[in-house]
Amino acid sequence: MYFGKIIEIFKVNGLWKTQSVSNLYDIPKLIADHNNEKLIVGSQYIFKLGKDLKPIEF
């Protein structure tokens, strides 16, 4: 069961496209900026998106 997704939205040749970055398995409790990166904290995970939007789970 998923509680949402993180998606990337970008424009290619004048058309908007989306790409799935990650599924969220829990409702985020906190989303914060840190060193130009995003930290997403849930009750079961800490998820980090790097500057290039590549996910790093730890």
PDB file of N, CA and C in Angstrom:
ATOM      1  N   MET A   1       0.840  -1.165   0.000  1.00  0.00           N
ATOM      2  CA  MET A   1       0.000   0.000   0.000  1.00  0.00           C
ATOM      3  C   MET A   1       0.896   1.243   0.000  1.00  0.00           C
ATOM      4  N   TYR A   2       0.626   2.158  -0.897  1.00  0.00           N
ATOM      5  CA  TYR A   2       1.397   3.383  -1.016  1.00  0.00           C
ATOM      6  C   TYR A   2       0.599   4.561  -0.471  1.00  0.00           C
ATOM      7  N   PHE A   3       1.318   5.542   0.078  1.00  0.00           N
ATOM      8  CA  PHE A   3       0.692   6.761   0.566  1.00  0.00           C
ATOM      9  C   PHE A   3       1.043   7.948  -0.318  1.00  0.00           C
ATOM     10  N   GLY A   4       1.490   7.686  -1.502  1.00  0.00           N
ATOM     11  CA  GLY A   4       1.825   8.748  -2.433  1.00  0.00           C
ATOM     12  C   GLY A   4       3.110   8.456  -3.185  1.00  0.00           C
ATOM     13  N   LYS A   5       3.515   9.416  -3.976  1.00  0.00           N
ATOM     14  CA  LYS A   5       4.715   9.300  -4.791  1.00  0.00           C
ATOM     15  C   LYS A   5       5.453  10.613  -4.785  1.00  0.00           C
ATOM     16  N   ILE A   6       6.726  10.520  -5.046  1.00  0.00           N
ATOM     17  CA  ILE A   6       7.516  11.699  -5.365  1.00  0.00           C
ATOM     18  C   ILE A   6       7.753  11.615  -6.867  1.00  0.00           C
ATOM     19  N   ILE A   7       7.367  12.667  -7.573  1.00  0.00           N
ATOM     20  CA  ILE A   7       7.538  12.672  -9.019  1.00  0.00           C
ATOM     21  C   ILE A   7       8.362  13.883  -9.446  1.00  0.00           C
ATOM     22  N   GLU A   8       9.029  13.730 -10.566  1.00  0.00           N
ATOM     23  CA  GLU A   8       9.745  14.838 -11.190  1.00  0.00           C
ATOM     24  C   GLU A   8       8.898  15.318 -12.362  1.00  0.00           C
ATOM     25  N   ILE A   9       8.714  16.620 -12.482  1.00  0.00           N
ATOM     26  CA  ILE A   9       7.947  17.208 -13.580  1.00  0.00           C
ATOM     27  C   ILE A   9       8.901  18.061 -14.399  1.00  0.00           C
ATOM     28  N   PHE A  10       8.931  17.820 -15.706  1.00  0.00           N
ATOM     29  CA  PHE A  10       9.860  18.544 -16.569  1.00  0.00           C
ATOM     30  C   PHE A  10       9.234  18.749 -17.937  1.00  0.00           C
ATOM     31  N   LYS A  11       9.809  19.655 -18.708  1.00  0.00           N
ATOM     32  CA  LYS A  11       9.286  20.000 -20.025  1.00  0.00           C
ATOM     33  C   LYS A  11      10.240  19.502 -21.105  1.00  0.00           C
ATOM     34  N   VAL A  12       9.685  18.807 -22.108  1.00  0.00           N
ATOM     35  CA  VAL A  12      10.455  18.301 -23.245  1.00  0.00           C
ATOM     36  C   VAL A  12       9.744  18.723 -24.520  1.00  0.00           C
ATOM     37  N   ASN A  13      10.426  19.482 -25.356  1.00  0.00           N
ATOM     38  CA  ASN A  13       9.855  19.935 -26.626  1.00  0.00           C
ATOM     39  C   ASN A  13       8.491  20.603 -26.448  1.00  0.00           C
ATOM     40  N   GLY A  14       8.357  21.392 -25.404  1.00  0.00           N
ATOM     41  CA  GLY A  14       7.123  22.130 -25.174  1.00  0.00           C
ATOM     42  C   GLY A  14       6.019  21.345 -24.488  1.00  0.00           C
ATOM     43  N   LEU A  15       6.259  20.060 -24.173  1.00  0.00           N
ATOM     44  CA  LEU A  15       5.258  19.225 -23.496  1.00  0.00           C
ATOM     45  C   LEU A  15       5.739  18.868 -22.097  1.00  0.00           C
ATOM     46  N   TRP A  16       4.823  18.933 -21.130  1.00  0.00           N
ATOM     47  CA  TRP A  16       5.160  18.559 -19.764  1.00  0.00           C
ATOM     48  C   TRP A  16       5.154  17.043 -19.630  1.00  0.00           C
ATOM     49  N   LYS A  17       6.169  16.513 -18.977  1.00  0.00           N
ATOM     50  CA  LYS A  17       6.309  15.069 -18.734  1.00  0.00           C
ATOM     51  C   LYS A  17       6.496  14.856 -17.242  1.00  0.00           C
ATOM     52  N   THR A  18       6.185  13.650 -16.780  1.00  0.00           N
ATOM     53  CA  THR A  18       6.438  13.287 -15.388  1.00  0.00           C
ATOM     54  C   THR A  18       7.227  11.984 -15.343  1.00  0.00           C
ATOM     55  N   GLN A  19       7.970  11.852 -14.266  1.00  0.00           N
ATOM     56  CA  GLN A  19       8.739  10.632 -14.059  1.00  0.00           C
ATOM     57  C   GLN A  19       8.688  10.301 -12.574  1.00  0.00           C
ATOM     58  N   SER A  20       8.374   9.068 -12.244  1.00  0.00           N
ATOM     59  CA  SER A  20       8.308   8.649 -10.848  1.00  0.00           C
ATOM     60  C   SER A  20       9.715   8.576 -10.272  1.00  0.00           C
ATOM     61  N   VAL A  21       9.909   9.181  -9.102  1.00  0.00           N
ATOM     62  CA  VAL A  21      11.197   9.123  -8.414  1.00  0.00           C
ATOM     63  C   VAL A  21      11.149   8.051  -7.339  1.00  0.00           C
ATOM     64  N   SER A  22      10.057   8.010  -6.562  1.00  0.00           N
ATOM     65  CA  SER A  22       9.936   7.014  -5.501  1.00  0.00           C
ATOM     66  C   SER A  22       8.495   6.925  -5.012  1.00  0.00           C
ATOM     67  N   ASN A  23       8.129   5.741  -4.513  1.00  0.00           N
ATOM     68  CA  ASN A  23       6.855   5.557  -3.832  1.00  0.00           C
ATOM     69  C   ASN A  23       7.057   5.837  -2.347  1.00  0.00           C
ATOM     70  N   LEU A  24       6.046   6.383  -1.700  1.00  0.00           N
ATOM     71  CA  LEU A  24       6.098   6.614  -0.257  1.00  0.00           C
ATOM     72  C   LEU A  24       5.254   5.550   0.422  1.00  0.00           C
ATOM     73  N   TYR A  25       5.849   4.835   1.371  1.00  0.00           N
ATOM     74  CA  TYR A  25       5.170   3.743   2.050  1.00  0.00           C
ATOM     75  C   TYR A  25       4.564   4.182   3.379  1.00  0.00           C
ATOM     76  N   ASP A  26       4.695   5.446   3.700  1.00  0.00           N
ATOM     77  CA  ASP A  26       4.208   5.984   4.950  1.00  0.00           C
ATOM     78  C   ASP A  26       3.896   7.459   4.718  1.00  0.00           C
ATOM     79  N   ILE A  27       3.052   8.028   5.522  1.00  0.00           N
ATOM     80  CA  ILE A  27       2.748   9.450   5.405  1.00  0.00           C
ATOM     81  C   ILE A  27       3.940  10.237   5.949  1.00  0.00           C
ATOM     82  N   PRO A  28       4.501  11.160   5.168  1.00  0.00           N
ATOM     83  CA  PRO A  28       5.633  11.944   5.666  1.00  0.00           C
ATOM     84  C   PRO A  28       5.248  12.756   6.901  1.00  0.00           C
ATOM     85  N   LYS A  29       6.112  12.719   7.899  1.00  0.00           N
ATOM     86  CA  LYS A  29       5.893  13.490   9.124  1.00  0.00           C
ATOM     87  C   LYS A  29       6.599  14.846   9.045  1.00  0.00           C
ATOM     88  N   LEU A  30       7.695  14.909   8.272  1.00  0.00           N
ATOM     89  CA  LEU A  30       8.488  16.125   8.157  1.00  0.00           C
ATOM     90  C   LEU A  30       9.180  16.144   6.804  1.00  0.00           C
ATOM     91  N   ILE A  31       9.157  17.289   6.152  1.00  0.00           N
ATOM     92  CA  ILE A  31       9.909  17.508   4.909  1.00  0.00           C
ATOM     93  C   ILE A  31      10.727  18.768   5.137  1.00  0.00           C
ATOM     94  N   ALA A  32      12.048  18.654   4.950  1.00  0.00           N
ATOM     95  CA  ALA A  32      12.922  19.791   5.251  1.00  0.00           C
ATOM     96  C   ALA A  32      14.008  19.928   4.193  1.00  0.00           C
ATOM     97  N   ASP A  33      14.499  21.158   4.035  1.00  0.00           N
ATOM     98  CA  ASP A  33      15.657  21.432   3.181  1.00  0.00           C
ATOM     99  C   ASP A  33      16.911  21.365   4.037  1.00  0.00           C
ATOM    100  N   HIS A  34      17.956  20.730   3.487  1.00  0.00           N
ATOM    101  CA  HIS A  34      19.246  20.667   4.177  1.00  0.00           C
ATOM    102  C   HIS A  34      20.355  20.601   3.138  1.00  0.00           C
ATOM    103  N   ASN A  35      21.220  21.595   3.130  1.00  0.00           N
ATOM    104  CA  ASN A  35      22.339  21.646   2.171  1.00  0.00           C
ATOM    105  C   ASN A  35      21.878  21.473   0.729  1.00  0.00           C
ATOM    106  N   ASN A  36      20.802  22.162   0.376  1.00  0.00           N
ATOM    107  CA  ASN A  36      20.270  22.114  -0.990  1.00  0.00           C
ATOM    108  C   ASN A  36      19.743  20.723  -1.371  1.00  0.00           C
ATOM    109  N   GLU A  37      19.391  19.912  -0.387  1.00  0.00           N
ATOM    110  CA  GLU A  37      18.798  18.603  -0.586  1.00  0.00           C
ATOM    111  C   GLU A  37      17.498  18.542   0.208  1.00  0.00           C
ATOM    112  N   LYS A  38      16.655  17.584  -0.083  1.00  0.00           N
ATOM    113  CA  LYS A  38      15.387  17.400   0.626  1.00  0.00           C
ATOM    114  C   LYS A  38      15.495  16.182   1.540  1.00  0.00           C
ATOM    115  N   LEU A  39      15.067  16.351   2.784  1.00  0.00           N
ATOM    116  CA  LEU A  39      14.965  15.243   3.723  1.00  0.00           C
ATOM    117  C   LEU A  39      13.487  15.010   4.005  1.00  0.00           C
ATOM    118  N   ILE A  40      13.052  13.761   3.880  1.00  0.00           N
ATOM    119  CA  ILE A  40      11.666  13.398   4.128  1.00  0.00           C
ATOM    120  C   ILE A  40      11.673  12.335   5.219  1.00  0.00           C
ATOM    121  N   VAL A  41      11.005  12.623   6.328  1.00  0.00           N
ATOM    122  CA  VAL A  41      11.019  11.729   7.480  1.00  0.00           C
ATOM    123  C   VAL A  41       9.618  11.161   7.684  1.00  0.00           C
ATOM    124  N   GLY A  42       9.552   9.849   7.747  1.00  0.00           N
ATOM    125  CA  GLY A  42       8.314   9.155   8.068  1.00  0.00           C
ATOM    126  C   GLY A  42       8.521   8.343   9.337  1.00  0.00           C
ATOM    127  N   SER A  43       7.508   7.634   9.790  1.00  0.00           N
ATOM    128  CA  SER A  43       7.663   6.850  11.012  1.00  0.00           C
ATOM    129  C   SER A  43       8.523   5.609  10.789  1.00  0.00           C
ATOM    130  N   GLN A  44       8.719   5.200   9.514  1.00  0.00           N
ATOM    131  CA  GLN A  44       9.485   3.993   9.222  1.00  0.00           C
ATOM    132  C   GLN A  44      10.713   4.252   8.347  1.00  0.00           C
ATOM    133  N   TYR A  45      10.989   5.496   7.995  1.00  0.00           N
ATOM    134  CA  TYR A  45      12.105   5.752   7.085  1.00  0.00           C
ATOM    135  C   TYR A  45      12.585   7.188   7.180  1.00  0.00           C
ATOM    136  N   ILE A  46      13.804   7.394   6.717  1.00  0.00           N
ATOM    137  CA  ILE A  46      14.332   8.724   6.414  1.00  0.00           C
ATOM    138  C   ILE A  46      14.757   8.650   4.959  1.00  0.00           C
ATOM    139  N   PHE A  47      14.258   9.551   4.164  1.00  0.00           N
ATOM    140  CA  PHE A  47      14.472   9.524   2.724  1.00  0.00           C
ATOM    141  C   PHE A  47      15.170  10.821   2.342  1.00  0.00           C
ATOM    142  N   LYS A  48      16.164  10.731   1.490  1.00  0.00           N
ATOM    143  CA  LYS A  48      16.909  11.916   1.088  1.00  0.00           C
ATOM    144  C   LYS A  48      16.940  11.999  -0.431  1.00  0.00           C
ATOM    145  N   LEU A  49      16.630  13.184  -0.950  1.00  0.00           N
ATOM    146  CA  LEU A  49      16.751  13.451  -2.379  1.00  0.00           C
ATOM    147  C   LEU A  49      17.952  14.354  -2.560  1.00  0.00           C
ATOM    148  N   GLY A  50      18.905  13.911  -3.359  1.00  0.00           N
ATOM    149  CA  GLY A  50      20.095  14.707  -3.628  1.00  0.00           C
ATOM    150  C   GLY A  50      19.791  15.872  -4.556  1.00  0.00           C
ATOM    151  N   LYS A  51      20.798  16.667  -4.822  1.00  0.00           N
ATOM    152  CA  LYS A  51      20.643  17.837  -5.688  1.00  0.00           C
ATOM    153  C   LYS A  51      20.168  17.455  -7.084  1.00  0.00           C
ATOM    154  N   ASP A  52      20.520  16.232  -7.525  1.00  0.00           N
ATOM    155  CA  ASP A  52      20.128  15.750  -8.845  1.00  0.00           C
ATOM    156  C   ASP A  52      18.811  14.971  -8.808  1.00  0.00           C
ATOM    157  N   LEU A  53      18.087  15.042  -7.693  1.00  0.00           N
ATOM    158  CA  LEU A  53      16.817  14.335  -7.454  1.00  0.00           C
ATOM    159  C   LEU A  53      16.963  12.818  -7.426  1.00  0.00           C
ATOM    160  N   LYS A  54      18.179  12.335  -7.238  1.00  0.00           N
ATOM    161  CA  LYS A  54      18.390  10.888  -7.081  1.00  0.00           C
ATOM    162  C   LYS A  54      18.102  10.515  -5.635  1.00  0.00           C
ATOM    163  N   PRO A  55      17.222   9.545  -5.406  1.00  0.00           N
ATOM    164  CA  PRO A  55      16.860   9.189  -4.024  1.00  0.00           C
ATOM    165  C   PRO A  55      17.977   8.400  -3.334  1.00  0.00           C
ATOM    166  N   ILE A  56      18.139   8.671  -2.035  1.00  0.00           N
ATOM    167  CA  ILE A  56      19.061   7.931  -1.188  1.00  0.00           C
ATOM    168  C   ILE A  56      18.280   7.583   0.062  1.00  0.00           C
ATOM    169  N   GLU A  57      18.040   6.276   0.307  1.00  0.00           N
ATOM    170  CA  GLU A  57      17.315   5.853   1.497  1.00  0.00           C
ATOM    171  C   GLU A  57      18.321   5.346   2.511  1.00  0.00           C
ATOM    172  N   PHE A  58      18.129   5.724   3.760  1.00  0.00           N
ATOM    173  CA  PHE A  58      19.017   5.226   4.813  1.00  0.00           C
ATOM    174  C   PHE A  58      18.267   5.079   6.106  1.00  0.00           C
TER     175      PHE A  58
END
